PDB file of all heavy atoms in Angstrom:
ATOM      1  N   GLU A   1     -92.206 149.697  48.802  1.00  0.00           N
ATOM      2  CA  GLU A   1     -91.134 149.520  47.834  1.00  0.00           C
ATOM      3  C   GLU A   1     -91.527 150.051  46.454  1.00  0.00           C
ATOM      4  O   GLU A   1     -92.687 149.982  46.052  1.00  0.00           O
ATOM      5  CB  GLU A   1     -90.762 148.039  47.719  1.00  0.00           C
ATOM      6  CG  GLU A   1     -90.146 147.451  48.973  1.00  0.00           C
ATOM      7  CD  GLU A   1     -89.725 145.998  48.760  1.00  0.00           C
ATOM      8  OE1 GLU A   1     -89.936 145.489  47.632  1.00  0.00           O
ATOM      9  OE2 GLU A   1     -89.209 145.394  49.713  1.00  0.00           O
ATOM     10  N   GLU A   2     -90.521 150.548  45.745  1.00  0.00           N
ATOM     11  CA  GLU A   2     -90.706 150.967  44.357  1.00  0.00           C
ATOM     12  C   GLU A   2     -90.946 149.743  43.478  1.00  0.00           C
ATOM     13  O   GLU A   2     -90.371 148.673  43.690  1.00  0.00           O
ATOM     14  CB  GLU A   2     -89.461 151.717  43.887  1.00  0.00           C
ATOM     15  CG  GLU A   2     -89.476 152.099  42.415  1.00  0.00           C
ATOM     16  CD  GLU A   2     -88.195 152.775  41.994  1.00  0.00           C
ATOM     17  OE1 GLU A   2     -87.862 153.832  42.553  1.00  0.00           O
ATOM     18  OE2 GLU A   2     -87.513 152.229  41.090  1.00  0.00           O
ATOM     19  N   GLN A   3     -91.819 149.915  42.486  1.00  0.00           N
ATOM     20  CA  GLN A   3     -92.114 148.820  41.552  1.00  0.00           C
ATOM     21  C   GLN A   3     -91.948 149.315  40.124  1.00  0.00           C
ATOM     22  O   GLN A   3     -92.279 150.445  39.801  1.00  0.00           O
ATOM     23  CB  GLN A   3     -93.541 148.304  41.748  1.00  0.00           C
ATOM     24  CG  GLN A   3     -93.798 147.658  43.093  1.00  0.00           C
ATOM     25  CD  GLN A   3     -95.177 147.032  43.160  1.00  0.00           C
ATOM     26  OE1 GLN A   3     -95.711 146.568  42.153  1.00  0.00           O
ATOM     27  NE2 GLN A   3     -95.752 147.012  44.354  1.00  0.00           N
ATOM     28  N   VAL A   4     -91.429 148.426  39.288  1.00  0.00           N
ATOM     29  CA  VAL A   4     -91.290 148.693  37.854  1.00  0.00           C
ATOM     30  C   VAL A   4     -92.101 147.627  37.118  1.00  0.00           C
ATOM     31  O   VAL A   4     -91.929 146.431  37.362  1.00  0.00           O
ATOM     32  CB  VAL A   4     -89.828 148.671  37.397  1.00  0.00           C
ATOM     33  CG1 VAL A   4     -89.741 148.932  35.890  1.00  0.00           C
ATOM     34  CG2 VAL A   4     -89.009 149.695  38.175  1.00  0.00           C
ATOM     35  N   SER A   5     -92.979 148.062  36.235  1.00  0.00           N
ATOM     36  CA  SER A   5     -93.814 147.114  35.485  1.00  0.00           C
ATOM     37  C   SER A   5     -93.847 147.508  34.019  1.00  0.00           C
ATOM     38  O   SER A   5     -93.829 148.686  33.676  1.00  0.00           O
ATOM     39  CB  SER A   5     -95.234 147.060  36.052  1.00  0.00           C
ATOM     40  OG  SER A   5     -95.829 148.341  36.029  1.00  0.00           O
ATOM     41  N   THR A   6     -93.864 146.498  33.177  1.00  0.00           N
ATOM     42  CA  THR A   6     -93.999 146.703  31.730  1.00  0.00           C
ATOM     43  C   THR A   6     -95.150 145.852  31.221  1.00  0.00           C
ATOM     44  O   THR A   6     -95.451 144.789  31.778  1.00  0.00           O
ATOM     45  CB  THR A   6     -92.714 146.333  30.979  1.00  0.00           C
ATOM     46  OG1 THR A   6     -92.405 144.947  31.235  1.00  0.00           O
ATOM     47  CG2 THR A   6     -91.549 147.203  31.415  1.00  0.00           C
ATOM     48  N   ALA A   7     -95.806 146.344  30.184  1.00  0.00           N
ATOM     49  CA  ALA A   7     -96.933 145.604  29.617  1.00  0.00           C
ATOM     50  C   ALA A   7     -97.063 145.922  28.140  1.00  0.00           C
ATOM     51  O   ALA A   7     -96.911 147.080  27.728  1.00  0.00           O
ATOM     52  CB  ALA A   7     -98.227 145.947  30.339  1.00  0.00           C
ATOM     53  N   PHE A   8     -97.315 144.885  27.360  1.00  0.00           N
ATOM     54  CA  PHE A   8     -97.651 145.026  25.950  1.00  0.00           C
ATOM     55  C   PHE A   8     -99.062 144.493  25.810  1.00  0.00           C
ATOM     56  O   PHE A   8     -99.308 143.290  26.007  1.00  0.00           O
ATOM     57  CB  PHE A   8     -96.672 144.248  25.073  1.00  0.00           C
ATOM     58  CG  PHE A   8     -96.961 144.363  23.610  1.00  0.00           C
ATOM     59  CD1 PHE A   8     -96.796 145.570  22.944  1.00  0.00           C
ATOM     60  CD2 PHE A   8     -97.414 143.257  22.888  1.00  0.00           C
ATOM     61  CE1 PHE A   8     -97.069 145.686  21.583  1.00  0.00           C
ATOM     62  CE2 PHE A   8     -97.689 143.367  21.537  1.00  0.00           C
ATOM     63  CZ  PHE A   8     -97.506 144.581  20.888  1.00  0.00           C
ATOM     64  N   THR A   9    -100.020 145.393  25.517  1.00  0.00           N
ATOM     65  CA  THR A   9    -101.427 145.031  25.627  1.00  0.00           C
ATOM     66  C   THR A   9    -102.179 145.194  24.310  1.00  0.00           C
ATOM     67  O   THR A   9    -101.862 146.048  23.487  1.00  0.00           O
ATOM     68  CB  THR A   9    -102.130 145.904  26.686  1.00  0.00           C
ATOM     69  OG1 THR A   9    -101.999 147.285  26.318  1.00  0.00           O
ATOM     70  CG2 THR A   9    -101.503 145.679  28.056  1.00  0.00           C
ATOM     71  N   LEU A  10    -103.172 144.333  24.154  1.00  0.00           N
ATOM     72  CA  LEU A  10    -104.156 144.445  23.078  1.00  0.00           C
ATOM     73  C   LEU A  10    -105.464 144.856  23.723  1.00  0.00           C
ATOM     74  O   LEU A  10    -105.925 144.216  24.675  1.00  0.00           O
ATOM     75  CB  LEU A  10    -104.315 143.112  22.348  1.00  0.00           C
ATOM     76  CG  LEU A  10    -105.437 143.043  21.287  1.00  0.00           C
ATOM     77  CD1 LEU A  10    -105.161 144.003  20.142  1.00  0.00           C
ATOM     78  CD2 LEU A  10    -105.593 141.610  20.768  1.00  0.00           C
ATOM     79  N   ASN A  11    -106.083 145.934  23.216  1.00  0.00           N
ATOM     80  CA  ASN A  11    -107.263 146.499  23.863  1.00  0.00           C
ATOM     81  C   ASN A  11    -108.378 146.738  22.850  1.00  0.00           C
ATOM     82  O   ASN A  11    -108.116 147.086  21.694  1.00  0.00           O
ATOM     83  CB  ASN A  11    -106.917 147.836  24.530  1.00  0.00           C
ATOM     84  CG  ASN A  11    -105.702 147.736  25.424  1.00  0.00           C
ATOM     85  OD1 ASN A  11    -105.786 147.260  26.545  1.00  0.00           O
ATOM     86  ND2 ASN A  11    -104.539 148.172  24.915  1.00  0.00           N
ATOM     87  N   TYR A  12    -109.605 146.565  23.327  1.00  0.00           N
ATOM     88  CA  TYR A  12    -110.783 146.834  22.490  1.00  0.00           C
ATOM     89  C   TYR A  12    -111.788 147.601  23.335  1.00  0.00           C
ATOM     90  O   TYR A  12    -111.998 147.293  24.517  1.00  0.00           O
ATOM     91  CB  TYR A  12    -111.415 145.536  21.998  1.00  0.00           C
ATOM     92  CG  TYR A  12    -112.653 145.759  21.151  1.00  0.00           C
ATOM     93  CD1 TYR A  12    -112.554 146.045  19.796  1.00  0.00           C
ATOM     94  CD2 TYR A  12    -113.924 145.706  21.723  1.00  0.00           C
ATOM     95  CE1 TYR A  12    -113.678 146.261  19.021  1.00  0.00           C
ATOM     96  CE2 TYR A  12    -115.059 145.918  20.954  1.00  0.00           C
ATOM     97  CZ  TYR A  12    -114.925 146.200  19.607  1.00  0.00           C
ATOM     98  OH  TYR A  12    -116.047 146.417  18.849  1.00  0.00           O
ATOM     99  N   GLY A  13    -112.405 148.613  22.742  1.00  0.00           N
ATOM    100  CA  GLY A  13    -113.414 149.389  23.448  1.00  0.00           C
ATOM    101  C   GLY A  13    -114.509 149.860  22.521  1.00  0.00           C
ATOM    102  O   GLY A  13    -114.299 150.004  21.302  1.00  0.00           O
ATOM    103  N   ALA A  14    -115.676 150.118  23.070  1.00  0.00           N
ATOM    104  CA  ALA A  14    -116.807 150.618  22.287  1.00  0.00           C
ATOM    105  C   ALA A  14    -117.654 151.522  23.162  1.00  0.00           C
ATOM    106  O   ALA A  14    -117.811 151.280  24.365  1.00  0.00           O
ATOM    107  CB  ALA A  14    -117.643 149.467  21.746  1.00  0.00           C
ATOM    108  N   ASP A  15    -118.185 152.583  22.561  1.00  0.00           N
ATOM    109  CA  ASP A  15    -119.076 153.517  23.251  1.00  0.00           C
ATOM    110  C   ASP A  15    -120.306 153.748  22.388  1.00  0.00           C
ATOM    111  O   ASP A  15    -120.203 153.806  21.152  1.00  0.00           O
ATOM    112  CB  ASP A  15    -118.390 154.865  23.500  1.00  0.00           C
ATOM    113  CG  ASP A  15    -117.191 154.740  24.428  1.00  0.00           C
ATOM    114  OD1 ASP A  15    -117.367 154.289  25.567  1.00  0.00           O
ATOM    115  OD2 ASP A  15    -116.076 155.084  23.998  1.00  0.00           O
ATOM    116  N   VAL A  16    -121.437 153.907  23.040  1.00  0.00           N
ATOM    117  CA  VAL A  16    -122.671 154.253  22.346  1.00  0.00           C
ATOM    118  C   VAL A  16    -123.337 155.378  23.127  1.00  0.00           C
ATOM    119  O   VAL A  16    -123.304 155.391  24.362  1.00  0.00           O
ATOM    120  CB  VAL A  16    -123.616 153.034  22.218  1.00  0.00           C
ATOM    121  CG1 VAL A  16    -124.023 152.501  23.588  1.00  0.00           C
ATOM    122  CG2 VAL A  16    -124.842 153.386  21.390  1.00  0.00           C
ATOM    123  N   ARG A  17    -123.891 156.335  22.401  1.00  0.00           N
ATOM    124  CA  ARG A  17    -124.519 157.486  23.043  1.00  0.00           C
ATOM    125  C   ARG A  17    -125.786 157.849  22.298  1.00  0.00           C
ATOM    126  O   ARG A  17    -125.757 158.133  21.102  1.00  0.00           O
ATOM    127  CB  ARG A  17    -123.555 158.669  23.065  1.00  0.00           C
ATOM    128  CG  ARG A  17    -124.095 159.894  23.776  1.00  0.00           C
ATOM    129  CD  ARG A  17    -123.013 160.950  23.940  1.00  0.00           C
ATOM    130  NE  ARG A  17    -122.519 161.438  22.664  1.00  0.00           N
ATOM    131  CZ  ARG A  17    -121.507 162.297  22.542  1.00  0.00           C
ATOM    132  NH1 ARG A  17    -120.876 162.703  23.626  1.00  0.00           N
ATOM    133  NH2 ARG A  17    -121.134 162.713  21.353  1.00  0.00           N
ATOM    134  N   THR A  18    -126.901 157.823  23.011  1.00  0.00           N
ATOM    135  CA  THR A  18    -128.196 158.199  22.445  1.00  0.00           C
ATOM    136  C   THR A  18    -128.854 159.180  23.403  1.00  0.00           C
ATOM    137  O   THR A  18    -129.583 158.795  24.318  1.00  0.00           O
ATOM    138  CB  THR A  18    -129.089 156.961  22.237  1.00  0.00           C
ATOM    139  OG1 THR A  18    -128.406 156.016  21.423  1.00  0.00           O
ATOM    140  CG2 THR A  18    -130.386 157.340  21.545  1.00  0.00           C
ATOM    141  N   VAL A  19    -128.575 160.462  23.216  1.00  0.00           N
ATOM    142  CA  VAL A  19    -129.127 161.504  24.075  1.00  0.00           C
ATOM    143  C   VAL A  19    -129.681 162.620  23.209  1.00  0.00           C
ATOM    144  O   VAL A  19    -129.320 162.764  22.041  1.00  0.00           O
ATOM    145  CB  VAL A  19    -128.058 162.064  25.036  1.00  0.00           C
ATOM    146  CG1 VAL A  19    -127.628 161.007  26.040  1.00  0.00           C
ATOM    147  CG2 VAL A  19    -126.851 162.592  24.270  1.00  0.00           C
ATOM    148  N   ASP A  20    -130.570 163.422  23.807  1.00  0.00           N
ATOM    149  CA  ASP A  20    -131.195 164.505  23.047  1.00  0.00           C
ATOM    150  C   ASP A  20    -130.221 165.647  22.763  1.00  0.00           C
ATOM    151  O   ASP A  20    -130.324 166.314  21.733  1.00  0.00           O
ATOM    152  CB  ASP A  20    -132.432 165.031  23.783  1.00  0.00           C
ATOM    153  CG  ASP A  20    -132.128 165.430  25.226  1.00  0.00           C
ATOM    154  OD1 ASP A  20    -131.008 165.154  25.702  1.00  0.00           O
ATOM    155  OD2 ASP A  20    -133.010 166.008  25.874  1.00  0.00           O
ATOM    156  N   ASN A  21    -129.240 165.857  23.657  1.00  0.00           N
ATOM    157  CA  ASN A  21    -128.264 166.925  23.476  1.00  0.00           C
ATOM    158  C   ASN A  21    -126.987 166.517  24.203  1.00  0.00           C
ATOM    159  O   ASN A  21    -126.950 166.544  25.439  1.00  0.00           O
ATOM    160  CB  ASN A  21    -128.794 168.251  24.024  1.00  0.00           C
ATOM    161  CG  ASN A  21    -127.830 169.404  23.811  1.00  0.00           C
ATOM    162  OD1 ASN A  21    -126.715 169.222  23.318  1.00  0.00           O
ATOM    163  ND2 ASN A  21    -128.254 170.598  24.187  1.00  0.00           N
ATOM    164  N   PRO A  22    -125.916 166.140  23.483  1.00  0.00           N
ATOM    165  CA  PRO A  22    -124.702 165.668  24.159  1.00  0.00           C
ATOM    166  C   PRO A  22    -124.117 166.679  25.134  1.00  0.00           C
ATOM    167  O   PRO A  22    -123.541 166.290  26.160  1.00  0.00           O
ATOM    168  CB  PRO A  22    -123.736 165.403  22.993  1.00  0.00           C
ATOM    169  CG  PRO A  22    -124.609 165.170  21.813  1.00  0.00           C
ATOM    170  CD  PRO A  22    -125.804 166.059  22.016  1.00  0.00           C
ATOM    171  N   ALA A  23    -124.232 167.991  24.828  1.00  0.00           N
ATOM    172  CA  ALA A  23    -123.660 169.010  25.698  1.00  0.00           C
ATOM    173  C   ALA A  23    -124.557 169.355  26.880  1.00  0.00           C
ATOM    174  O   ALA A  23    -124.087 169.928  27.864  1.00  0.00           O
ATOM    175  CB  ALA A  23    -123.365 170.279  24.898  1.00  0.00           C
ATOM    176  N   ASP A  24    -125.831 169.003  26.812  1.00  0.00           N
ATOM    177  CA  ASP A  24    -126.758 169.303  27.907  1.00  0.00           C
ATOM    178  C   ASP A  24    -127.883 168.268  27.886  1.00  0.00           C
ATOM    179  O   ASP A  24    -129.026 168.572  27.568  1.00  0.00           O
ATOM    180  CB  ASP A  24    -127.323 170.718  27.753  1.00  0.00           C
ATOM    181  CG  ASP A  24    -128.199 171.119  28.931  1.00  0.00           C
ATOM    182  OD1 ASP A  24    -128.177 170.413  29.956  1.00  0.00           O
ATOM    183  OD2 ASP A  24    -128.912 172.133  28.818  1.00  0.00           O
ATOM    184  N   PRO A  25    -127.572 167.011  28.216  1.00  0.00           N
ATOM    185  CA  PRO A  25    -128.563 165.942  28.054  1.00  0.00           C
ATOM    186  C   PRO A  25    -129.660 165.992  29.109  1.00  0.00           C
ATOM    187  O   PRO A  25    -129.419 166.286  30.276  1.00  0.00           O
ATOM    188  CB  PRO A  25    -127.719 164.663  28.209  1.00  0.00           C
ATOM    189  CG  PRO A  25    -126.559 165.085  29.049  1.00  0.00           C
ATOM    190  CD  PRO A  25    -126.276 166.518  28.679  1.00  0.00           C
ATOM    191  N   ARG A  26    -130.889 165.718  28.664  1.00  0.00           N
ATOM    192  CA  ARG A  26    -132.026 165.577  29.578  1.00  0.00           C
ATOM    193  C   ARG A  26    -132.736 164.250  29.391  1.00  0.00           C
ATOM    194  O   ARG A  26    -133.463 163.803  30.278  1.00  0.00           O
ATOM    195  CB  ARG A  26    -133.047 166.706  29.376  1.00  0.00           C
ATOM    196  CG  ARG A  26    -132.626 168.060  29.893  1.00  0.00           C
ATOM    197  CD  ARG A  26    -133.847 168.917  30.167  1.00  0.00           C
ATOM    198  NE  ARG A  26    -134.644 168.391  31.256  1.00  0.00           N
ATOM    199  CZ  ARG A  26    -135.973 168.503  31.333  1.00  0.00           C
ATOM    200  NH1 ARG A  26    -136.651 169.093  30.367  1.00  0.00           N
ATOM    201  NH2 ARG A  26    -136.639 168.017  32.365  1.00  0.00           N
ATOM    202  N   ARG A  27    -132.517 163.626  28.238  1.00  0.00           N
ATOM    203  CA  ARG A  27    -133.167 162.347  27.968  1.00  0.00           C
ATOM    204  C   ARG A  27    -132.209 161.455  27.177  1.00  0.00           C
ATOM    205  O   ARG A  27    -131.539 161.919  26.257  1.00  0.00           O
ATOM    206  CB  ARG A  27    -134.455 162.550  27.172  1.00  0.00           C
ATOM    207  CG  ARG A  27    -135.221 161.267  26.909  1.00  0.00           C
ATOM    208  CD  ARG A  27    -136.403 161.504  25.974  1.00  0.00           C
ATOM    209  NE  ARG A  27    -137.362 162.440  26.540  1.00  0.00           N
ATOM    210  CZ  ARG A  27    -138.322 162.096  27.400  1.00  0.00           C
ATOM    211  NH1 ARG A  27    -138.435 160.832  27.777  1.00  0.00           N
ATOM    212  NH2 ARG A  27    -139.147 163.012  27.857  1.00  0.00           N
ATOM    213  N   GLY A  28    -132.155 160.181  27.524  1.00  0.00           N
ATOM    214  CA  GLY A  28    -131.339 159.242  26.773  1.00  0.00           C
ATOM    215  C   GLY A  28    -130.342 158.518  27.663  1.00  0.00           C
ATOM    216  O   GLY A  28    -130.439 158.522  28.892  1.00  0.00           O
ATOM    217  N   TYR A  29    -129.356 157.902  27.013  1.00  0.00           N
ATOM    218  CA  TYR A  29    -128.363 157.136  27.755  1.00  0.00           C
ATOM    219  C   TYR A  29    -127.051 157.108  26.993  1.00  0.00           C
ATOM    220  O   TYR A  29    -126.984 157.389  25.794  1.00  0.00           O
ATOM    221  CB  TYR A  29    -128.843 155.693  27.988  1.00  0.00           C
ATOM    222  CG  TYR A  29    -128.918 154.873  26.715  1.00  0.00           C
ATOM    223  CD1 TYR A  29    -127.828 154.123  26.265  1.00  0.00           C
ATOM    224  CD2 TYR A  29    -130.075 154.874  25.935  1.00  0.00           C
ATOM    225  CE1 TYR A  29    -127.897 153.387  25.098  1.00  0.00           C
ATOM    226  CE2 TYR A  29    -130.151 154.146  24.766  1.00  0.00           C
ATOM    227  CZ  TYR A  29    -129.056 153.396  24.354  1.00  0.00           C
ATOM    228  OH  TYR A  29    -129.113 152.679  23.188  1.00  0.00           O
ATOM    229  N   SER A  30    -125.994 156.788  27.715  1.00  0.00           N
ATOM    230  CA  SER A  30    -124.694 156.543  27.105  1.00  0.00           C
ATOM    231  C   SER A  30    -124.057 155.381  27.851  1.00  0.00           C
ATOM    232  O   SER A  30    -124.280 155.201  29.056  1.00  0.00           O
ATOM    233  CB  SER A  30    -123.797 157.791  27.175  1.00  0.00           C
ATOM    234  OG  SER A  30    -123.569 158.165  28.518  1.00  0.00           O
ATOM    235  N   ALA A  31    -123.284 154.593  27.136  1.00  0.00           N
ATOM    236  CA  ALA A  31    -122.667 153.411  27.741  1.00  0.00           C
ATOM    237  C   ALA A  31    -121.387 153.088  26.997  1.00  0.00           C
ATOM    238  O   ALA A  31    -121.204 153.456  25.826  1.00  0.00           O
ATOM    239  CB  ALA A  31    -123.629 152.221  27.713  1.00  0.00           C
ATOM    240  N   GLY A  32    -120.498 152.402  27.683  1.00  0.00           N
ATOM    241  CA  GLY A  32    -119.247 151.996  27.057  1.00  0.00           C
ATOM    242  C   GLY A  32    -118.610 150.835  27.802  1.00  0.00           C
ATOM    243  O   GLY A  32    -118.900 150.609  28.983  1.00  0.00           O
ATOM    244  N   PHE A  33    -117.762 150.104  27.121  1.00  0.00           N
ATOM    245  CA  PHE A  33    -117.029 149.026  27.776  1.00  0.00           C
ATOM    246  C   PHE A  33    -115.640 148.925  27.168  1.00  0.00           C
ATOM    247  O   PHE A  33    -115.381 149.370  26.038  1.00  0.00           O
ATOM    248  CB  PHE A  33    -117.771 147.684  27.654  1.00  0.00           C
ATOM    249  CG  PHE A  33    -117.634 147.035  26.310  1.00  0.00           C
ATOM    250  CD1 PHE A  33    -116.601 146.129  26.053  1.00  0.00           C
ATOM    251  CD2 PHE A  33    -118.523 147.320  25.292  1.00  0.00           C
ATOM    252  CE1 PHE A  33    -116.477 145.530  24.814  1.00  0.00           C
ATOM    253  CE2 PHE A  33    -118.407 146.726  24.047  1.00  0.00           C
ATOM    254  CZ  PHE A  33    -117.374 145.824  23.810  1.00  0.00           C
ATOM    255  N   GLN A  34    -114.728 148.342  27.936  1.00  0.00           N
ATOM    256  CA  GLN A  34    -113.348 148.129  27.507  1.00  0.00           C
ATOM    257  C   GLN A  34    -112.910 146.738  27.946  1.00  0.00           C
ATOM    258  O   GLN A  34    -113.288 146.274  29.027  1.00  0.00           O
ATOM    259  CB  GLN A  34    -112.413 149.181  28.135  1.00  0.00           C
ATOM    260  CG  GLN A  34    -112.750 150.613  27.800  1.00  0.00           C
ATOM    261  CD  GLN A  34    -111.970 151.604  28.653  1.00  0.00           C
ATOM    262  OE1 GLN A  34    -111.048 151.228  29.377  1.00  0.00           O
ATOM    263  NE2 GLN A  34    -112.348 152.881  28.586  1.00  0.00           N
ATOM    264  N   ILE A  35    -112.095 146.120  27.118  1.00  0.00           N
ATOM    265  CA  ILE A  35    -111.486 144.846  27.450  1.00  0.00           C
ATOM    266  C   ILE A  35    -110.064 144.862  26.904  1.00  0.00           C
ATOM    267  O   ILE A  35    -109.838 145.270  25.760  1.00  0.00           O
ATOM    268  CB  ILE A  35    -112.298 143.647  26.882  1.00  0.00           C
ATOM    269  CG1 ILE A  35    -111.610 142.326  27.234  1.00  0.00           C
ATOM    270  CG2 ILE A  35    -112.536 143.784  25.384  1.00  0.00           C
ATOM    271  CD1 ILE A  35    -112.470 141.111  26.882  1.00  0.00           C
ATOM    272  N   GLY A  36    -109.112 144.503  27.729  1.00  0.00           N
ATOM    273  CA  GLY A  36    -107.717 144.538  27.293  1.00  0.00           C
ATOM    274  C   GLY A  36    -106.832 143.807  28.271  1.00  0.00           C
ATOM    275  O   GLY A  36    -107.174 143.624  29.446  1.00  0.00           O
ATOM    276  N   GLY A  37    -105.680 143.381  27.798  1.00  0.00           N
ATOM    277  CA  GLY A  37    -104.767 142.663  28.694  1.00  0.00           C
ATOM    278  C   GLY A  37    -103.451 142.333  28.037  1.00  0.00           C
ATOM    279  O   GLY A  37    -103.198 142.681  26.872  1.00  0.00           O
ATOM    280  N   GLY A  38    -102.617 141.705  28.806  1.00  0.00           N
ATOM    281  CA  GLY A  38    -101.296 141.323  28.322  1.00  0.00           C
ATOM    282  C   GLY A  38    -100.919 139.949  28.848  1.00  0.00           C
ATOM    283  O   GLY A  38    -101.601 139.361  29.688  1.00  0.00           O
ATOM    284  N   ALA A  39     -99.793 139.447  28.335  1.00  0.00           N
ATOM    285  CA  ALA A  39     -99.331 138.115  28.709  1.00  0.00           C
ATOM    286  C   ALA A  39     -97.821 138.122  28.866  1.00  0.00           C
ATOM    287  O   ALA A  39     -97.107 138.872  28.190  1.00  0.00           O
ATOM    288  CB  ALA A  39     -99.748 137.084  27.656  1.00  0.00           C
ATOM    289  N   ARG A  40     -97.323 137.273  29.794  1.00  0.00           N
ATOM    290  CA  ARG A  40     -95.888 137.177  29.997  1.00  0.00           C
ATOM    291  C   ARG A  40     -95.166 136.732  28.736  1.00  0.00           C
ATOM    292  O   ARG A  40     -94.021 137.123  28.491  1.00  0.00           O
ATOM    293  CB  ARG A  40     -95.593 136.193  31.125  1.00  0.00           C
ATOM    294  CG  ARG A  40     -95.967 136.716  32.510  1.00  0.00           C
ATOM    295  CD  ARG A  40     -95.616 135.708  33.569  1.00  0.00           C
ATOM    296  NE  ARG A  40     -95.866 136.239  34.912  1.00  0.00           N
ATOM    297  CZ  ARG A  40     -95.695 135.537  36.026  1.00  0.00           C
ATOM    298  NH1 ARG A  40     -95.280 134.270  35.958  1.00  0.00           N
ATOM    299  NH2 ARG A  40     -95.922 136.096  37.191  1.00  0.00           N
ATOM    300  N   ALA A  41     -95.836 135.946  27.936  1.00  0.00           N
ATOM    301  CA  ALA A  41     -95.204 135.445  26.713  1.00  0.00           C
ATOM    302  C   ALA A  41     -95.005 136.545  25.682  1.00  0.00           C
ATOM    303  O   ALA A  41     -94.270 136.355  24.707  1.00  0.00           O
ATOM    304  CB  ALA A  41     -96.048 134.324  26.119  1.00  0.00           C
TER     305      ALA A  41
END
């Protein structure tokens, strides 16, 4: 069945990147997270 859904959401996200070369990394790390949601009210 076809479904129709609507949502009004508040979202927060953050990213961190520590690498030797973002375009061609060989050493380091990158990480990120997101949290967001909505309510019927």
